[in-house]
Amino acid sequence: MEKHLLKLMALAFLAAALTGVTLAESNTHVVRANIPFDFYAGGQLHPAGEYTISINDESDMVMIGPQAAGSRSLLLGIHEDASRDERTVLTFKLVGDKVYALRKLQSPDLGLSFNGQAPQPSMSAQSQAPESITIVAQAK
């Protein structure tokens, strides 16, 4: 019985890995963005830096990760209006002292919002950071 359980777990892990590879290969829209602040995406805290964002138009899945090797987050979006211009725009909302969370992604063909919960660090009363920031991504 234990052997069967281990085999089943190994198959599940392989299926999940192959799904990620398939998702990465079938993306129709890949952009990069310089995000100058720490932010949450997919429940994971990411440091400021250059990021690659892969958007699967069919499944509303978004994969975001640093251009250099590192961990990537997989997010499932909720349909919204597409961007009114030809740019891909990321909108971040302030969730803590100088820490933001990715809340929207809009491209010419697709609009997605993300309602994932980020940990709520204490907000500073003197924080001068804007409540939300918009970053324009560039085609890769």
N, C-alpha and C. Protein backbone atom coordinates (compact mmCIF):
# COMPACT_ATOMS: atom_id res chain seq x y z
N MET A 1 0.82 -1.19 0.00
CA MET A 1 0.00 0.00 0.00
C MET A 1 0.87 1.26 0.00
N GLU A 2 1.93 1.24 0.79
CA GLU A 2 2.80 2.40 0.89
C GLU A 2 3.50 2.67 -0.45
N LYS A 3 3.89 1.59 -1.15
CA LYS A 3 4.53 1.74 -2.46
C LYS A 3 3.58 2.40 -3.45
N HIS A 4 2.32 2.01 -3.40
CA HIS A 4 1.32 2.59 -4.31
C HIS A 4 1.12 4.07 -4.02
N LEU A 5 1.11 4.41 -2.76
CA LEU A 5 0.96 5.81 -2.37
C LEU A 5 2.14 6.64 -2.86
N LEU A 6 3.35 6.12 -2.71
CA LEU A 6 4.55 6.83 -3.19
C LEU A 6 4.52 6.98 -4.70
N LYS A 7 4.09 5.94 -5.42
CA LYS A 7 4.00 6.02 -6.89
C LYS A 7 2.95 7.06 -7.30
N LEU A 8 1.83 7.07 -6.59
CA LEU A 8 0.78 8.04 -6.89
C LEU A 8 1.27 9.46 -6.65
N MET A 9 2.00 9.67 -5.57
CA MET A 9 2.54 11.00 -5.28
C MET A 9 3.56 11.41 -6.34
N ALA A 10 4.39 10.47 -6.78
CA ALA A 10 5.38 10.77 -7.81
C ALA A 10 4.69 11.13 -9.13
N LEU A 11 3.63 10.40 -9.48
CA LEU A 11 2.88 10.72 -10.70
C LEU A 11 2.20 12.08 -10.61
N ALA A 12 1.66 12.39 -9.45
CA ALA A 12 1.02 13.70 -9.26
C ALA A 12 2.04 14.82 -9.41
N PHE A 13 3.22 14.63 -8.85
CA PHE A 13 4.28 15.63 -8.96
C PHE A 13 4.70 15.79 -10.42
N LEU A 14 4.85 14.69 -11.15
CA LEU A 14 5.22 14.74 -12.56
C LEU A 14 4.15 15.44 -13.37
N ALA A 15 2.89 15.15 -13.09
CA ALA A 15 1.79 15.81 -13.81
C ALA A 15 1.80 17.31 -13.57
N ALA A 16 2.04 17.72 -12.33
CA ALA A 16 2.10 19.15 -12.01
C ALA A 16 3.27 19.81 -12.73
N ALA A 17 4.41 19.15 -12.76
CA ALA A 17 5.58 19.70 -13.44
C ALA A 17 5.32 19.84 -14.94
N LEU A 18 4.72 18.82 -15.54
CA LEU A 18 4.43 18.87 -16.97
C LEU A 18 3.39 19.94 -17.29
N THR A 19 2.44 20.14 -16.40
CA THR A 19 1.46 21.20 -16.59
C THR A 19 2.14 22.56 -16.62
N GLY A 20 3.10 22.77 -15.74
CA GLY A 20 3.84 24.03 -15.73
C GLY A 20 4.63 24.22 -17.00
N VAL A 21 5.25 23.18 -17.50
CA VAL A 21 6.00 23.26 -18.75
C VAL A 21 5.07 23.54 -19.90
N THR A 22 3.93 22.86 -19.95
CA THR A 22 2.96 23.08 -21.01
C THR A 22 2.44 24.50 -20.96
N LEU A 23 2.16 24.99 -19.77
CA LEU A 23 1.69 26.36 -19.62
C LEU A 23 2.73 27.33 -20.16
N ALA A 24 3.99 27.12 -19.82
CA ALA A 24 5.05 28.02 -20.26
C ALA A 24 5.18 27.99 -21.78
N GLU A 25 5.02 26.81 -22.40
CA GLU A 25 5.18 26.70 -23.83
C GLU A 25 3.99 27.26 -24.59
N SER A 26 2.79 27.20 -24.03
CA SER A 26 1.61 27.61 -24.77
C SER A 26 1.25 29.07 -24.54
N ASN A 27 2.04 29.80 -23.77
CA ASN A 27 1.73 31.21 -23.55
C ASN A 27 1.79 31.96 -24.86
N THR A 28 0.87 32.88 -25.02
CA THR A 28 0.83 33.65 -26.24
C THR A 28 1.37 35.05 -26.03
N HIS A 29 1.61 35.44 -24.79
CA HIS A 29 2.01 36.82 -24.52
C HIS A 29 3.05 36.82 -23.40
N VAL A 30 4.26 37.26 -23.71
CA VAL A 30 5.33 37.34 -22.71
C VAL A 30 5.87 38.76 -22.70
N VAL A 31 5.93 39.35 -21.51
CA VAL A 31 6.44 40.72 -21.35
C VAL A 31 7.45 40.73 -20.22
N ARG A 32 8.17 41.83 -20.12
CA ARG A 32 9.08 42.00 -18.98
C ARG A 32 8.80 43.37 -18.37
N ALA A 33 9.05 43.45 -17.07
CA ALA A 33 8.80 44.70 -16.35
C ALA A 33 9.86 44.90 -15.29
N ASN A 34 10.25 46.15 -15.10
CA ASN A 34 11.15 46.51 -14.02
C ASN A 34 10.27 46.99 -12.87
N ILE A 35 10.23 46.21 -11.81
CA ILE A 35 9.38 46.53 -10.66
C ILE A 35 10.30 47.02 -9.55
N PRO A 36 10.24 48.32 -9.23
CA PRO A 36 11.22 48.92 -8.32
C PRO A 36 10.91 48.81 -6.83
N PHE A 37 10.07 47.86 -6.45
CA PHE A 37 9.70 47.71 -5.04
C PHE A 37 9.40 46.23 -4.78
N ASP A 38 9.44 45.83 -3.51
CA ASP A 38 9.07 44.46 -3.13
C ASP A 38 7.56 44.32 -3.31
N PHE A 39 7.13 43.13 -3.72
CA PHE A 39 5.71 42.92 -3.96
C PHE A 39 5.32 41.46 -3.76
N TYR A 40 4.03 41.26 -3.49
CA TYR A 40 3.47 39.92 -3.38
C TYR A 40 2.80 39.56 -4.69
N ALA A 41 2.99 38.33 -5.12
CA ALA A 41 2.28 37.76 -6.26
C ALA A 41 2.12 36.27 -5.98
N GLY A 42 0.93 35.78 -6.07
CA GLY A 42 0.70 34.37 -5.80
C GLY A 42 1.01 33.97 -4.37
N GLY A 43 0.85 34.89 -3.43
CA GLY A 43 1.12 34.60 -2.03
C GLY A 43 2.58 34.56 -1.66
N GLN A 44 3.45 34.92 -2.60
CA GLN A 44 4.90 34.88 -2.37
C GLN A 44 5.47 36.29 -2.49
N LEU A 45 6.37 36.65 -1.57
CA LEU A 45 7.02 37.95 -1.60
C LEU A 45 8.19 37.92 -2.58
N HIS A 46 8.19 38.86 -3.52
CA HIS A 46 9.25 38.97 -4.52
C HIS A 46 10.02 40.28 -4.29
N PRO A 47 11.34 40.25 -4.43
CA PRO A 47 12.12 41.49 -4.28
C PRO A 47 12.01 42.35 -5.54
N ALA A 48 12.34 43.61 -5.40
CA ALA A 48 12.37 44.51 -6.55
C ALA A 48 13.33 43.97 -7.60
N GLY A 49 13.03 44.22 -8.87
CA GLY A 49 13.93 43.76 -9.92
C GLY A 49 13.24 43.63 -11.26
N GLU A 50 13.96 43.03 -12.21
CA GLU A 50 13.44 42.77 -13.56
C GLU A 50 12.68 41.45 -13.56
N TYR A 51 11.45 41.45 -14.08
CA TYR A 51 10.61 40.26 -14.08
C TYR A 51 10.10 39.94 -15.47
N THR A 52 9.95 38.65 -15.71
CA THR A 52 9.31 38.15 -16.92
C THR A 52 7.91 37.70 -16.53
N ILE A 53 6.91 38.13 -17.30
CA ILE A 53 5.53 37.80 -17.03
C ILE A 53 4.99 37.06 -18.26
N SER A 54 4.55 35.83 -18.07
CA SER A 54 3.98 35.02 -19.14
C SER A 54 2.47 34.92 -18.92
N ILE A 55 1.70 35.28 -19.94
CA ILE A 55 0.25 35.34 -19.83
C ILE A 55 -0.36 34.33 -20.79
N ASN A 56 -1.12 33.39 -20.27
CA ASN A 56 -1.81 32.42 -21.10
C ASN A 56 -3.23 32.93 -21.31
N ASP A 57 -3.52 33.38 -22.52
CA ASP A 57 -4.82 33.98 -22.82
C ASP A 57 -5.98 32.99 -22.69
N GLU A 58 -5.71 31.71 -22.90
CA GLU A 58 -6.78 30.72 -22.88
C GLU A 58 -7.18 30.31 -21.47
N SER A 59 -6.20 30.20 -20.58
CA SER A 59 -6.51 29.70 -19.24
C SER A 59 -6.55 30.78 -18.17
N ASP A 60 -6.22 32.03 -18.52
CA ASP A 60 -6.15 33.14 -17.57
C ASP A 60 -5.09 32.90 -16.49
N MET A 61 -4.08 32.11 -16.82
CA MET A 61 -2.98 31.84 -15.90
C MET A 61 -1.83 32.79 -16.23
N VAL A 62 -1.18 33.26 -15.18
CA VAL A 62 -0.03 34.16 -15.32
C VAL A 62 1.11 33.57 -14.51
N MET A 63 2.29 33.53 -15.13
CA MET A 63 3.49 33.09 -14.43
C MET A 63 4.42 34.29 -14.36
N ILE A 64 4.86 34.62 -13.15
CA ILE A 64 5.73 35.77 -12.96
C ILE A 64 6.97 35.33 -12.19
N GLY A 65 8.12 35.78 -12.67
CA GLY A 65 9.36 35.42 -12.00
C GLY A 65 10.49 36.32 -12.47
N PRO A 66 11.58 36.33 -11.73
CA PRO A 66 12.71 37.18 -12.09
C PRO A 66 13.32 36.74 -13.42
N GLN A 67 13.91 37.70 -14.15
CA GLN A 67 14.56 37.35 -15.40
C GLN A 67 15.72 36.41 -15.14
N ALA A 68 16.43 36.63 -14.06
CA ALA A 68 17.48 35.69 -13.65
C ALA A 68 16.79 34.47 -13.03
N ALA A 69 17.54 33.42 -12.85
CA ALA A 69 16.96 32.21 -12.24
C ALA A 69 16.40 32.53 -10.86
N GLY A 70 15.30 31.92 -10.54
CA GLY A 70 14.68 32.14 -9.24
C GLY A 70 13.30 31.53 -9.22
N SER A 71 12.62 31.66 -8.09
CA SER A 71 11.30 31.07 -7.97
C SER A 71 10.28 31.90 -8.76
N ARG A 72 9.31 31.22 -9.29
CA ARG A 72 8.25 31.86 -10.06
C ARG A 72 6.92 31.61 -9.36
N SER A 73 6.01 32.54 -9.55
CA SER A 73 4.67 32.39 -8.99
C SER A 73 3.69 32.16 -10.12
N LEU A 74 2.73 31.29 -9.88
CA LEU A 74 1.68 31.00 -10.83
C LEU A 74 0.39 31.56 -10.26
N LEU A 75 -0.28 32.42 -11.02
CA LEU A 75 -1.50 33.07 -10.55
C LEU A 75 -2.65 32.76 -11.49
N LEU A 76 -3.83 32.57 -10.93
CA LEU A 76 -5.04 32.41 -11.73
C LEU A 76 -5.80 33.71 -11.63
N GLY A 77 -6.05 34.32 -12.78
CA GLY A 77 -6.71 35.62 -12.81
C GLY A 77 -8.21 35.52 -12.98
N ILE A 78 -8.88 36.61 -12.68
CA ILE A 78 -10.32 36.75 -12.87
C ILE A 78 -10.51 37.77 -14.00
N HIS A 79 -11.32 37.40 -14.99
CA HIS A 79 -11.51 38.26 -16.17
C HIS A 79 -11.96 39.67 -15.81
N GLU A 80 -11.35 40.64 -16.49
CA GLU A 80 -11.73 42.05 -16.40
C GLU A 80 -11.61 42.66 -17.79
N ASP A 81 -11.84 43.96 -17.89
CA ASP A 81 -11.70 44.65 -19.16
C ASP A 81 -10.25 44.67 -19.59
N ALA A 82 -10.03 44.60 -20.89
CA ALA A 82 -8.68 44.69 -21.44
C ALA A 82 -8.22 46.15 -21.41
N SER A 83 -6.92 46.34 -21.64
CA SER A 83 -6.35 47.68 -21.69
C SER A 83 -6.93 48.44 -22.88
N ARG A 84 -7.06 49.72 -22.73
CA ARG A 84 -7.61 50.54 -23.82
C ARG A 84 -6.54 50.98 -24.81
N ASP A 85 -5.30 50.69 -24.52
CA ASP A 85 -4.24 51.01 -25.47
C ASP A 85 -3.43 49.75 -25.75
N GLU A 86 -2.33 49.89 -26.40
CA GLU A 86 -1.55 48.73 -26.84
C GLU A 86 -0.52 48.26 -25.82
N ARG A 87 -0.56 48.77 -24.60
CA ARG A 87 0.44 48.42 -23.60
C ARG A 87 -0.08 47.35 -22.64
N THR A 88 0.85 46.66 -22.01
CA THR A 88 0.51 45.76 -20.91
C THR A 88 0.82 46.51 -19.63
N VAL A 89 -0.17 46.60 -18.76
CA VAL A 89 -0.06 47.42 -17.55
C VAL A 89 -0.30 46.54 -16.32
N LEU A 90 0.59 46.67 -15.33
CA LEU A 90 0.45 45.97 -14.05
C LEU A 90 0.06 46.99 -13.00
N THR A 91 -0.93 46.67 -12.18
CA THR A 91 -1.34 47.57 -11.10
C THR A 91 -1.10 46.87 -9.77
N PHE A 92 -0.39 47.56 -8.88
CA PHE A 92 -0.05 47.05 -7.56
C PHE A 92 -0.75 47.90 -6.51
N LYS A 93 -1.21 47.25 -5.45
CA LYS A 93 -1.85 47.96 -4.34
C LYS A 93 -0.98 47.86 -3.10
N LEU A 94 -0.87 48.95 -2.37
CA LEU A 94 -0.09 49.00 -1.14
C LEU A 94 -0.73 48.10 -0.09
N VAL A 95 0.06 47.17 0.47
CA VAL A 95 -0.45 46.28 1.52
C VAL A 95 0.34 46.42 2.81
N GLY A 96 1.41 47.17 2.78
CA GLY A 96 2.23 47.36 3.97
C GLY A 96 3.20 48.49 3.74
N ASP A 97 4.08 48.70 4.67
CA ASP A 97 5.04 49.78 4.57
C ASP A 97 6.01 49.52 3.42
N LYS A 98 5.79 50.17 2.28
CA LYS A 98 6.61 50.04 1.07
C LYS A 98 6.54 48.65 0.44
N VAL A 99 5.50 47.88 0.73
CA VAL A 99 5.31 46.56 0.12
C VAL A 99 3.95 46.57 -0.59
N TYR A 100 3.95 46.09 -1.82
CA TYR A 100 2.75 46.10 -2.65
C TYR A 100 2.33 44.68 -3.01
N ALA A 101 1.13 44.54 -3.55
CA ALA A 101 0.64 43.25 -4.05
C ALA A 101 0.10 43.47 -5.46
N LEU A 102 0.41 42.54 -6.36
CA LEU A 102 -0.10 42.61 -7.73
C LEU A 102 -1.61 42.39 -7.69
N ARG A 103 -2.36 43.35 -8.21
CA ARG A 103 -3.82 43.26 -8.19
C ARG A 103 -4.45 43.16 -9.57
N LYS A 104 -3.81 43.75 -10.60
CA LYS A 104 -4.39 43.73 -11.94
C LYS A 104 -3.31 43.61 -12.99
N LEU A 105 -3.67 42.99 -14.09
CA LEU A 105 -2.83 42.94 -15.28
C LEU A 105 -3.76 43.19 -16.45
N GLN A 106 -3.43 44.20 -17.24
CA GLN A 106 -4.25 44.50 -18.41
C GLN A 106 -3.34 44.58 -19.62
N SER A 107 -3.75 43.87 -20.68
CA SER A 107 -3.05 43.91 -21.95
C SER A 107 -4.09 44.25 -23.01
N PRO A 108 -3.65 44.47 -24.25
CA PRO A 108 -4.62 44.82 -25.29
C PRO A 108 -5.72 43.77 -25.48
N ASP A 109 -5.42 42.50 -25.21
CA ASP A 109 -6.38 41.43 -25.47
C ASP A 109 -7.03 40.86 -24.22
N LEU A 110 -6.53 41.24 -23.05
CA LEU A 110 -6.96 40.55 -21.84
C LEU A 110 -6.83 41.45 -20.63
N GLY A 111 -7.76 41.32 -19.72
CA GLY A 111 -7.68 41.99 -18.43
C GLY A 111 -7.92 40.98 -17.33
N LEU A 112 -7.05 40.97 -16.33
CA LEU A 112 -7.17 40.02 -15.22
C LEU A 112 -6.99 40.76 -13.90
N SER A 113 -7.68 40.29 -12.88
CA SER A 113 -7.45 40.79 -11.53
C SER A 113 -7.07 39.61 -10.66
N PHE A 114 -6.36 39.90 -9.56
CA PHE A 114 -5.88 38.88 -8.65
C PHE A 114 -6.33 39.26 -7.26
N ASN A 115 -7.05 38.36 -6.61
CA ASN A 115 -7.58 38.64 -5.28
C ASN A 115 -6.85 37.89 -4.19
N GLY A 116 -5.68 37.34 -4.49
CA GLY A 116 -4.91 36.59 -3.50
C GLY A 116 -4.61 37.44 -2.29
N GLN A 117 -4.61 36.81 -1.15
CA GLN A 117 -4.33 37.52 0.10
C GLN A 117 -2.84 37.59 0.36
N ALA A 118 -2.34 38.76 0.60
CA ALA A 118 -0.96 38.96 1.01
C ALA A 118 -0.96 39.17 2.51
N PRO A 119 0.09 38.73 3.20
CA PRO A 119 0.17 39.02 4.64
C PRO A 119 0.04 40.52 4.86
N GLN A 120 -0.59 40.90 5.92
CA GLN A 120 -0.85 42.31 6.19
C GLN A 120 0.16 42.87 7.19
N PRO A 121 1.33 43.34 6.70
CA PRO A 121 2.27 43.97 7.61
C PRO A 121 1.66 45.26 8.16
N SER A 122 2.19 45.72 9.25
CA SER A 122 1.64 46.94 9.84
C SER A 122 1.88 48.13 8.93
N MET A 123 0.86 48.93 8.77
CA MET A 123 0.96 50.13 7.94
C MET A 123 1.50 51.26 8.80
N SER A 124 2.42 52.00 8.25
CA SER A 124 2.99 53.14 8.95
C SER A 124 2.11 54.36 8.75
N ALA A 125 1.79 55.05 9.81
CA ALA A 125 0.96 56.24 9.71
C ALA A 125 1.65 57.32 8.89
N GLN A 126 2.99 57.35 8.90
CA GLN A 126 3.72 58.36 8.16
C GLN A 126 4.11 57.91 6.75
N SER A 127 3.63 56.74 6.32
CA SER A 127 4.01 56.23 5.00
C SER A 127 3.58 57.21 3.92
N GLN A 128 4.52 57.59 3.08
CA GLN A 128 4.24 58.50 1.98
C GLN A 128 4.05 57.74 0.67
N ALA A 129 4.04 56.43 0.72
CA ALA A 129 3.89 55.62 -0.49
C ALA A 129 2.47 55.75 -1.03
N PRO A 130 2.33 55.83 -2.35
CA PRO A 130 0.98 55.89 -2.92
C PRO A 130 0.23 54.58 -2.70
N GLU A 131 -1.11 54.65 -2.65
CA GLU A 131 -1.92 53.46 -2.39
C GLU A 131 -1.82 52.44 -3.51
N SER A 132 -1.64 52.90 -4.75
CA SER A 132 -1.45 51.97 -5.85
C SER A 132 -0.46 52.55 -6.84
N ILE A 133 0.21 51.65 -7.54
CA ILE A 133 1.23 52.03 -8.52
C ILE A 133 0.97 51.25 -9.79
N THR A 134 1.13 51.90 -10.93
CA THR A 134 0.98 51.25 -12.22
C THR A 134 2.34 51.15 -12.89
N ILE A 135 2.67 49.96 -13.38
CA ILE A 135 3.92 49.71 -14.10
C ILE A 135 3.57 49.29 -15.52
N VAL A 136 4.23 49.86 -16.50
CA VAL A 136 4.03 49.47 -17.89
C VAL A 136 5.08 48.45 -18.26
N ALA A 137 4.62 47.29 -18.75
CA ALA A 137 5.54 46.22 -19.16
C ALA A 137 5.87 46.38 -20.63
N GLN A 138 7.01 45.81 -21.02
CA GLN A 138 7.45 45.88 -22.41
C GLN A 138 7.42 44.49 -23.00
N ALA A 139 7.09 44.41 -24.28
CA ALA A 139 7.11 43.11 -24.97
C ALA A 139 8.50 42.54 -24.94
N LYS A 140 8.58 41.26 -24.75
CA LYS A 140 9.88 40.59 -24.66
C LYS A 140 10.33 40.13 -26.03
